[in-house]
Structure formats: C-alpha cells, structure tokens
Amino acid sequence: MIQQLGPPTFFVTFTSVEHQWTPLVFTLIELYTNRGKQKCTQTLEDIDIDYLIRKDPVTCTRYYRHRINALKHLISHDETFFGKVVDYYFVTEFQNRGSEHEHGLLWIEDAPIYGRDNNSEIENFLDKYITCNTECFTTNISKEATGHT
C-alpha cells in the first residue's frame, strides 16, 4: 500500500475500555448478577467488573467489534476527524488479557508529506486535527493516560 499510496498521513491506535462502556457493563450485570439495571456501575467494585468482563469475552468482543466498525465508518465518511480519508489499513491485535485493539494507517486527501512539503504546511495541517487540549474530554483523561500499561 505504501508503495502505491505513499507514506500514510496518520498512524492510529484504538483500544477497548470495557469498564467505561456503561451499556456493556449493564448488559453483563443483567446476564450474570441479580442486580439488574437499577444499580449504577459506581456501586460495583472494580474487581466485580473485571470478573464480569472475563466471564463473557464473547459479548465483550462483539461489543468492541460493533463499536470499532462504527468508528471506522465514521472516520471514513466524516471529514471532521482527520480530513477526507482516501484509504486506510487496520490490523487487529490482542493484549495479554485478551482485549482487542486496532492499529491503523490513514491516508488523507491533500495531506502534506514530510520531506516534500515545507514544515509550516505540515504544522498547519497537524494543528487542524491534533490537539493536546483536554477540555473537550468528558472523562478524566490524565488518569487514563498515566494508567496505561
């Protein structure tokens, strides 16, 4: 692909966060406990959620696959996130604990290329799509970023 399309514009990684996917957690609670939907996930200890996730890897994997397919569709059809995606390549890997994650290459239409275009063009392009501003996140991203292994 790289020989035909040139260098990719973005390398991306998407991973699952089963603990934070409330619909998935509620489904697992309904399937494997007597608590039902009335209880909020905050009433469960982390170990309980871990147990439920380990107990049903098929449901967790199918839920993740559904979400990742929706995300890929969104990225490839909505120019808001990365620009117009002209091609992409994804590979699925599994962590030691069995959770899926995706690595992907994205080729963006009219993206500047390092070594061909000047640095200011590249900086302007990247500033349009990449930020370090955490105000747009609703979760505690600093905890997630520092807690990643």
N, C-alpha and C. Protein backbone atom coordinates (compact mmCIF):
# COMPACT_ATOMS: atom_id res chain seq x y z
N MET A 1 0.82 -1.20 0.00
CA MET A 1 0.00 0.00 0.00
C MET A 1 0.86 1.26 0.00
N ILE A 2 1.93 1.23 0.79
CA ILE A 2 2.78 2.41 0.89
C ILE A 2 3.45 2.71 -0.44
N GLN A 3 3.84 1.67 -1.19
CA GLN A 3 4.44 1.88 -2.50
C GLN A 3 3.45 2.52 -3.46
N GLN A 4 2.18 2.16 -3.34
CA GLN A 4 1.17 2.71 -4.25
C GLN A 4 0.66 4.08 -3.79
N LEU A 5 0.44 4.25 -2.48
CA LEU A 5 -0.20 5.46 -1.96
C LEU A 5 0.77 6.48 -1.38
N GLY A 6 2.00 6.06 -1.13
CA GLY A 6 2.94 6.93 -0.45
C GLY A 6 2.82 6.75 1.06
N PRO A 7 3.54 7.57 1.80
CA PRO A 7 3.50 7.41 3.26
C PRO A 7 2.12 7.75 3.82
N PRO A 8 1.68 7.00 4.82
CA PRO A 8 0.37 7.32 5.42
C PRO A 8 0.44 8.66 6.16
N THR A 9 -0.70 9.27 6.29
CA THR A 9 -0.78 10.56 6.99
C THR A 9 -0.79 10.35 8.50
N PHE A 10 -1.57 9.39 8.97
CA PHE A 10 -1.71 9.15 10.41
C PHE A 10 -1.53 7.67 10.72
N PHE A 11 -0.90 7.41 11.85
CA PHE A 11 -0.89 6.08 12.47
C PHE A 11 -1.76 6.21 13.70
N VAL A 12 -2.78 5.37 13.83
CA VAL A 12 -3.71 5.47 14.95
C VAL A 12 -3.83 4.13 15.67
N THR A 13 -4.17 4.21 16.94
CA THR A 13 -4.43 3.02 17.74
C THR A 13 -5.75 3.22 18.47
N PHE A 14 -6.61 2.23 18.41
CA PHE A 14 -7.88 2.25 19.13
C PHE A 14 -7.91 1.02 20.04
N THR A 15 -8.31 1.23 21.27
CA THR A 15 -8.35 0.13 22.23
C THR A 15 -9.68 0.12 22.95
N SER A 16 -9.98 -0.98 23.58
CA SER A 16 -11.25 -1.10 24.29
C SER A 16 -11.11 -0.57 25.72
N VAL A 17 -12.20 -0.02 26.22
CA VAL A 17 -12.28 0.44 27.61
C VAL A 17 -13.59 -0.11 28.20
N GLU A 18 -13.62 -1.42 28.34
CA GLU A 18 -14.85 -2.09 28.74
C GLU A 18 -15.44 -1.53 30.02
N HIS A 19 -14.59 -1.14 30.96
CA HIS A 19 -15.07 -0.62 32.25
C HIS A 19 -15.89 0.65 32.09
N GLN A 20 -15.63 1.42 31.04
CA GLN A 20 -16.31 2.70 30.86
C GLN A 20 -17.48 2.63 29.90
N TRP A 21 -17.72 1.49 29.30
CA TRP A 21 -18.83 1.35 28.38
C TRP A 21 -20.05 0.90 29.17
N THR A 22 -20.78 1.86 29.67
CA THR A 22 -21.91 1.59 30.55
C THR A 22 -22.91 0.60 29.96
N PRO A 23 -23.30 0.72 28.68
CA PRO A 23 -24.24 -0.28 28.15
C PRO A 23 -23.69 -1.71 28.23
N LEU A 24 -22.40 -1.87 27.97
CA LEU A 24 -21.80 -3.20 28.07
C LEU A 24 -21.81 -3.70 29.51
N VAL A 25 -21.41 -2.84 30.44
CA VAL A 25 -21.37 -3.23 31.85
C VAL A 25 -22.77 -3.59 32.33
N PHE A 26 -23.78 -2.79 31.98
CA PHE A 26 -25.15 -3.11 32.38
C PHE A 26 -25.62 -4.44 31.78
N THR A 27 -25.24 -4.71 30.54
CA THR A 27 -25.61 -5.98 29.93
C THR A 27 -24.99 -7.14 30.69
N LEU A 28 -23.71 -7.01 31.03
CA LEU A 28 -23.04 -8.08 31.79
C LEU A 28 -23.65 -8.24 33.18
N ILE A 29 -24.01 -7.13 33.80
CA ILE A 29 -24.65 -7.19 35.12
C ILE A 29 -25.98 -7.94 35.01
N GLU A 30 -26.77 -7.59 33.99
CA GLU A 30 -28.06 -8.26 33.80
C GLU A 30 -27.90 -9.75 33.54
N LEU A 31 -26.89 -10.10 32.76
CA LEU A 31 -26.68 -11.50 32.41
C LEU A 31 -26.17 -12.35 33.57
N TYR A 32 -25.31 -11.77 34.43
CA TYR A 32 -24.57 -12.61 35.38
C TYR A 32 -24.75 -12.25 36.85
N THR A 33 -25.59 -11.29 37.15
CA THR A 33 -25.84 -10.97 38.56
C THR A 33 -27.33 -10.78 38.77
N ASN A 34 -27.72 -10.58 40.00
CA ASN A 34 -29.12 -10.30 40.33
C ASN A 34 -29.36 -8.81 40.54
N ARG A 35 -28.39 -7.98 40.20
CA ARG A 35 -28.50 -6.55 40.48
C ARG A 35 -29.40 -5.82 39.49
N GLY A 36 -29.40 -6.22 38.25
CA GLY A 36 -30.23 -5.57 37.25
C GLY A 36 -29.75 -4.18 36.91
N LYS A 37 -30.52 -3.46 36.10
CA LYS A 37 -30.13 -2.13 35.63
C LYS A 37 -30.31 -1.04 36.68
N GLN A 38 -31.00 -1.33 37.77
CA GLN A 38 -31.29 -0.28 38.75
C GLN A 38 -30.01 0.26 39.38
N LYS A 39 -29.02 -0.59 39.57
CA LYS A 39 -27.79 -0.17 40.23
C LYS A 39 -26.88 0.51 39.22
N CYS A 40 -26.22 1.54 39.67
CA CYS A 40 -25.25 2.25 38.84
C CYS A 40 -23.92 1.50 38.89
N THR A 41 -23.08 1.65 37.87
CA THR A 41 -21.81 0.93 37.85
C THR A 41 -20.89 1.36 38.98
N GLN A 42 -21.08 2.56 39.52
CA GLN A 42 -20.23 3.01 40.62
C GLN A 42 -20.43 2.17 41.88
N THR A 43 -21.52 1.45 42.01
CA THR A 43 -21.75 0.62 43.19
C THR A 43 -20.97 -0.69 43.12
N LEU A 44 -20.46 -1.03 41.95
CA LEU A 44 -19.68 -2.25 41.81
C LEU A 44 -18.20 -1.95 42.11
N GLU A 45 -17.56 -2.89 42.72
CA GLU A 45 -16.11 -2.80 42.89
C GLU A 45 -15.46 -3.10 41.54
N ASP A 46 -14.29 -2.54 41.30
CA ASP A 46 -13.59 -2.81 40.03
C ASP A 46 -13.41 -4.30 39.79
N ILE A 47 -13.16 -5.04 40.83
CA ILE A 47 -12.95 -6.48 40.67
C ILE A 47 -14.21 -7.17 40.16
N ASP A 48 -15.37 -6.67 40.55
CA ASP A 48 -16.63 -7.24 40.05
C ASP A 48 -16.75 -7.03 38.54
N ILE A 49 -16.42 -5.82 38.08
CA ILE A 49 -16.50 -5.54 36.65
C ILE A 49 -15.46 -6.37 35.90
N ASP A 50 -14.26 -6.47 36.44
CA ASP A 50 -13.23 -7.32 35.83
C ASP A 50 -13.72 -8.75 35.70
N TYR A 51 -14.34 -9.25 36.75
CA TYR A 51 -14.85 -10.62 36.74
C TYR A 51 -15.89 -10.80 35.64
N LEU A 52 -16.81 -9.84 35.54
CA LEU A 52 -17.87 -9.93 34.54
C LEU A 52 -17.30 -9.89 33.12
N ILE A 53 -16.29 -9.05 32.91
CA ILE A 53 -15.65 -8.95 31.59
C ILE A 53 -14.95 -10.26 31.25
N ARG A 54 -14.22 -10.82 32.21
CA ARG A 54 -13.53 -12.10 31.97
C ARG A 54 -14.51 -13.25 31.78
N LYS A 55 -15.67 -13.16 32.43
CA LYS A 55 -16.66 -14.24 32.37
C LYS A 55 -17.29 -14.36 30.98
N ASP A 56 -17.35 -13.26 30.25
CA ASP A 56 -18.03 -13.29 28.96
C ASP A 56 -17.21 -12.56 27.88
N PRO A 57 -16.10 -13.15 27.47
CA PRO A 57 -15.27 -12.49 26.44
C PRO A 57 -15.97 -12.38 25.09
N VAL A 58 -16.91 -13.25 24.82
CA VAL A 58 -17.61 -13.20 23.53
C VAL A 58 -18.47 -11.94 23.44
N THR A 59 -19.25 -11.67 24.47
CA THR A 59 -20.08 -10.46 24.46
C THR A 59 -19.20 -9.22 24.40
N CYS A 60 -18.12 -9.19 25.17
CA CYS A 60 -17.22 -8.03 25.17
C CYS A 60 -16.57 -7.83 23.80
N THR A 61 -16.15 -8.92 23.18
CA THR A 61 -15.52 -8.83 21.86
C THR A 61 -16.52 -8.38 20.81
N ARG A 62 -17.72 -8.91 20.85
CA ARG A 62 -18.74 -8.49 19.88
C ARG A 62 -19.10 -7.01 20.07
N TYR A 63 -19.18 -6.57 21.32
CA TYR A 63 -19.48 -5.16 21.59
C TYR A 63 -18.36 -4.27 21.06
N TYR A 64 -17.12 -4.67 21.34
CA TYR A 64 -15.97 -3.90 20.84
C TYR A 64 -15.97 -3.86 19.31
N ARG A 65 -16.20 -5.01 18.69
CA ARG A 65 -16.19 -5.08 17.22
C ARG A 65 -17.26 -4.17 16.64
N HIS A 66 -18.44 -4.15 17.25
CA HIS A 66 -19.52 -3.26 16.80
C HIS A 66 -19.07 -1.80 16.89
N ARG A 67 -18.46 -1.44 18.01
CA ARG A 67 -18.01 -0.05 18.20
C ARG A 67 -16.89 0.31 17.23
N ILE A 68 -15.94 -0.58 17.04
CA ILE A 68 -14.81 -0.27 16.16
C ILE A 68 -15.27 -0.15 14.71
N ASN A 69 -16.21 -0.99 14.29
CA ASN A 69 -16.75 -0.88 12.93
C ASN A 69 -17.50 0.44 12.75
N ALA A 70 -18.25 0.86 13.75
CA ALA A 70 -18.94 2.14 13.68
C ALA A 70 -17.93 3.30 13.63
N LEU A 71 -16.85 3.18 14.40
CA LEU A 71 -15.83 4.23 14.40
C LEU A 71 -15.13 4.30 13.04
N LYS A 72 -14.78 3.17 12.47
CA LYS A 72 -14.15 3.15 11.14
C LYS A 72 -15.08 3.77 10.10
N HIS A 73 -16.37 3.44 10.17
CA HIS A 73 -17.34 4.02 9.24
C HIS A 73 -17.40 5.54 9.42
N LEU A 74 -17.42 6.00 10.66
CA LEU A 74 -17.47 7.43 10.94
C LEU A 74 -16.23 8.13 10.40
N ILE A 75 -15.07 7.57 10.68
CA ILE A 75 -13.81 8.18 10.22
C ILE A 75 -13.75 8.25 8.70
N SER A 76 -14.21 7.21 8.04
CA SER A 76 -14.11 7.17 6.58
C SER A 76 -15.20 7.97 5.87
N HIS A 77 -16.25 8.38 6.59
CA HIS A 77 -17.33 9.13 5.96
C HIS A 77 -17.52 10.54 6.49
N ASP A 78 -16.81 10.90 7.54
CA ASP A 78 -16.96 12.23 8.14
C ASP A 78 -15.59 12.90 8.18
N GLU A 79 -15.43 13.99 7.45
CA GLU A 79 -14.14 14.66 7.34
C GLU A 79 -13.76 15.47 8.57
N THR A 80 -14.63 15.51 9.57
CA THR A 80 -14.39 16.30 10.78
C THR A 80 -13.17 15.84 11.55
N PHE A 81 -12.93 14.54 11.59
CA PHE A 81 -11.92 14.00 12.49
C PHE A 81 -10.51 14.05 11.93
N PHE A 82 -10.31 13.58 10.71
CA PHE A 82 -8.97 13.51 10.13
C PHE A 82 -8.88 14.14 8.75
N GLY A 83 -9.94 14.67 8.23
CA GLY A 83 -9.97 15.11 6.84
C GLY A 83 -10.60 14.01 6.01
N LYS A 84 -10.52 14.14 4.69
CA LYS A 84 -11.12 13.14 3.81
C LYS A 84 -10.17 11.94 3.71
N VAL A 85 -10.61 10.80 4.23
CA VAL A 85 -9.82 9.58 4.20
C VAL A 85 -9.96 8.97 2.80
N VAL A 86 -8.82 8.84 2.10
CA VAL A 86 -8.85 8.24 0.77
C VAL A 86 -8.56 6.75 0.82
N ASP A 87 -7.88 6.30 1.86
CA ASP A 87 -7.64 4.88 2.04
C ASP A 87 -7.23 4.64 3.49
N TYR A 88 -7.36 3.39 3.93
CA TYR A 88 -6.92 3.04 5.28
C TYR A 88 -6.58 1.56 5.35
N TYR A 89 -5.82 1.22 6.37
CA TYR A 89 -5.46 -0.17 6.63
C TYR A 89 -5.47 -0.36 8.14
N PHE A 90 -6.16 -1.39 8.63
CA PHE A 90 -6.20 -1.69 10.05
C PHE A 90 -5.79 -3.13 10.29
N VAL A 91 -5.14 -3.36 11.41
CA VAL A 91 -4.81 -4.70 11.85
C VAL A 91 -5.28 -4.83 13.30
N THR A 92 -5.84 -5.99 13.63
CA THR A 92 -6.34 -6.25 14.98
C THR A 92 -5.30 -7.06 15.73
N GLU A 93 -5.02 -6.65 16.96
CA GLU A 93 -4.13 -7.40 17.84
C GLU A 93 -4.85 -7.63 19.16
N PHE A 94 -4.31 -8.55 19.95
CA PHE A 94 -4.89 -8.86 21.24
C PHE A 94 -3.84 -8.67 22.33
N GLN A 95 -4.26 -8.01 23.43
CA GLN A 95 -3.38 -7.83 24.58
C GLN A 95 -3.31 -9.14 25.35
N ASN A 96 -2.39 -9.20 26.32
CA ASN A 96 -2.24 -10.40 27.13
C ASN A 96 -3.54 -10.81 27.81
N ARG A 97 -4.34 -9.83 28.22
CA ARG A 97 -5.58 -10.16 28.91
C ARG A 97 -6.70 -10.51 27.93
N GLY A 98 -6.39 -10.49 26.64
CA GLY A 98 -7.35 -10.92 25.63
C GLY A 98 -8.13 -9.81 24.97
N SER A 99 -7.96 -8.56 25.40
CA SER A 99 -8.70 -7.46 24.80
C SER A 99 -8.13 -7.08 23.43
N GLU A 100 -9.05 -6.83 22.52
CA GLU A 100 -8.64 -6.42 21.18
C GLU A 100 -8.19 -4.97 21.17
N HIS A 101 -7.33 -4.65 20.23
CA HIS A 101 -7.04 -3.26 19.90
C HIS A 101 -6.64 -3.20 18.43
N GLU A 102 -6.80 -2.04 17.85
CA GLU A 102 -6.55 -1.86 16.42
C GLU A 102 -5.41 -0.88 16.22
N HIS A 103 -4.56 -1.18 15.26
CA HIS A 103 -3.57 -0.23 14.76
C HIS A 103 -3.97 0.07 13.32
N GLY A 104 -3.89 1.33 12.96
CA GLY A 104 -4.31 1.67 11.61
C GLY A 104 -3.46 2.73 10.97
N LEU A 105 -3.44 2.71 9.66
CA LEU A 105 -2.80 3.73 8.84
C LEU A 105 -3.90 4.44 8.06
N LEU A 106 -3.86 5.75 8.05
CA LEU A 106 -4.85 6.55 7.33
C LEU A 106 -4.14 7.41 6.29
N TRP A 107 -4.65 7.40 5.08
CA TRP A 107 -4.17 8.29 4.04
C TRP A 107 -5.23 9.36 3.84
N ILE A 108 -4.83 10.63 3.99
CA ILE A 108 -5.76 11.75 3.94
C ILE A 108 -5.53 12.54 2.65
N GLU A 109 -6.63 12.90 2.00
CA GLU A 109 -6.54 13.66 0.76
C GLU A 109 -5.85 15.00 0.97
N ASP A 110 -4.95 15.34 0.08
CA ASP A 110 -4.22 16.62 0.09
C ASP A 110 -3.41 16.86 1.36
N ALA A 111 -3.03 15.81 2.06
CA ALA A 111 -2.20 15.98 3.27
C ALA A 111 -0.77 16.26 2.84
N PRO A 112 -0.11 17.18 3.55
CA PRO A 112 1.30 17.42 3.24
C PRO A 112 2.14 16.20 3.59
N ILE A 113 3.25 16.06 2.90
CA ILE A 113 4.13 14.91 3.10
C ILE A 113 5.48 15.40 3.60
N TYR A 114 5.93 14.78 4.70
CA TYR A 114 7.23 15.13 5.29
C TYR A 114 8.34 14.87 4.27
N GLY A 115 9.22 15.84 4.13
CA GLY A 115 10.33 15.73 3.18
C GLY A 115 10.00 16.31 1.82
N ARG A 116 8.72 16.49 1.53
CA ARG A 116 8.30 17.08 0.26
C ARG A 116 7.75 18.49 0.48
N ASP A 117 6.86 18.61 1.47
CA ASP A 117 6.24 19.90 1.75
C ASP A 117 7.01 20.60 2.87
N ASN A 118 6.83 21.93 2.96
CA ASN A 118 7.58 22.66 3.99
C ASN A 118 6.96 22.47 5.37
N ASN A 119 7.75 22.74 6.38
CA ASN A 119 7.34 22.48 7.76
C ASN A 119 6.09 23.27 8.17
N SER A 120 5.94 24.49 7.69
CA SER A 120 4.76 25.28 8.10
C SER A 120 3.47 24.66 7.56
N GLU A 121 3.51 24.10 6.35
CA GLU A 121 2.32 23.42 5.81
C GLU A 121 1.97 22.20 6.66
N ILE A 122 3.00 21.45 7.04
CA ILE A 122 2.78 20.26 7.86
C ILE A 122 2.24 20.66 9.23
N GLU A 123 2.82 21.68 9.85
CA GLU A 123 2.35 22.14 11.16
C GLU A 123 0.91 22.61 11.10
N ASN A 124 0.56 23.38 10.08
CA ASN A 124 -0.82 23.87 9.95
C ASN A 124 -1.80 22.71 9.78
N PHE A 125 -1.42 21.72 8.99
CA PHE A 125 -2.28 20.56 8.80
C PHE A 125 -2.47 19.80 10.11
N LEU A 126 -1.38 19.53 10.81
CA LEU A 126 -1.47 18.79 12.07
C LEU A 126 -2.24 19.55 13.12
N ASP A 127 -2.05 20.87 13.21
CA ASP A 127 -2.78 21.68 14.18
C ASP A 127 -4.29 21.64 13.95
N LYS A 128 -4.69 21.38 12.72
CA LYS A 128 -6.12 21.30 12.41
C LYS A 128 -6.76 20.04 13.01
N TYR A 129 -5.97 18.95 13.15
CA TYR A 129 -6.55 17.67 13.55
C TYR A 129 -6.02 17.10 14.87
N ILE A 130 -4.93 17.62 15.36
CA ILE A 130 -4.33 17.07 16.59
C ILE A 130 -4.26 18.16 17.64
N THR A 131 -4.66 17.83 18.87
CA THR A 131 -4.64 18.79 19.96
C THR A 131 -4.18 18.12 21.25
N CYS A 132 -3.67 18.94 22.15
CA CYS A 132 -3.33 18.46 23.50
C CYS A 132 -4.31 19.05 24.50
N ASN A 133 -5.36 19.69 24.03
CA ASN A 133 -6.36 20.30 24.88
C ASN A 133 -7.28 19.23 25.45
N THR A 134 -7.26 19.08 26.77
CA THR A 134 -8.09 18.05 27.40
C THR A 134 -9.47 18.55 27.79
N GLU A 135 -9.78 19.81 27.54
CA GLU A 135 -11.08 20.37 27.92
C GLU A 135 -12.23 19.74 27.14
N CYS A 136 -11.94 19.16 25.97
CA CYS A 136 -13.01 18.58 25.16
C CYS A 136 -13.37 17.17 25.62
N PHE A 137 -12.64 16.62 26.58
CA PHE A 137 -12.93 15.27 27.06
C PHE A 137 -13.82 15.32 28.29
N THR A 138 -14.76 14.39 28.36
CA THR A 138 -15.68 14.36 29.50
C THR A 138 -15.18 13.46 30.61
N THR A 139 -14.18 12.62 30.33
CA THR A 139 -13.64 11.73 31.36
C THR A 139 -12.30 12.25 31.84
N ASN A 140 -11.81 11.67 32.90
CA ASN A 140 -10.52 12.06 33.45
C ASN A 140 -9.41 11.43 32.62
N ILE A 141 -9.02 12.13 31.55
CA ILE A 141 -8.06 11.56 30.62
C ILE A 141 -6.66 11.45 31.23
N SER A 142 -6.30 12.31 32.16
CA SER A 142 -4.97 12.22 32.75
C SER A 142 -4.81 10.91 33.51
N LYS A 143 -5.86 10.46 34.17
CA LYS A 143 -5.82 9.17 34.88
C LYS A 143 -5.66 8.04 33.88
N GLU A 144 -6.40 8.11 32.77
CA GLU A 144 -6.32 7.06 31.76
C GLU A 144 -4.96 7.03 31.11
N ALA A 145 -4.41 8.20 30.78
CA ALA A 145 -3.13 8.26 30.09
C ALA A 145 -2.00 7.76 30.98
N THR A 146 -2.01 8.15 32.25
CA THR A 146 -0.92 7.73 33.13
C THR A 146 -1.12 6.31 33.61
N GLY A 147 -2.32 5.78 33.52
CA GLY A 147 -2.60 4.44 34.00
C GLY A 147 -2.42 3.37 32.93
N HIS A 148 -2.08 3.78 31.69
CA HIS A 148 -1.94 2.83 30.60
C HIS A 148 -0.69 1.99 30.78
N THR A 149 -0.80 0.69 30.53
CA THR A 149 0.36 -0.20 30.63
C THR A 149 0.68 -0.83 29.31
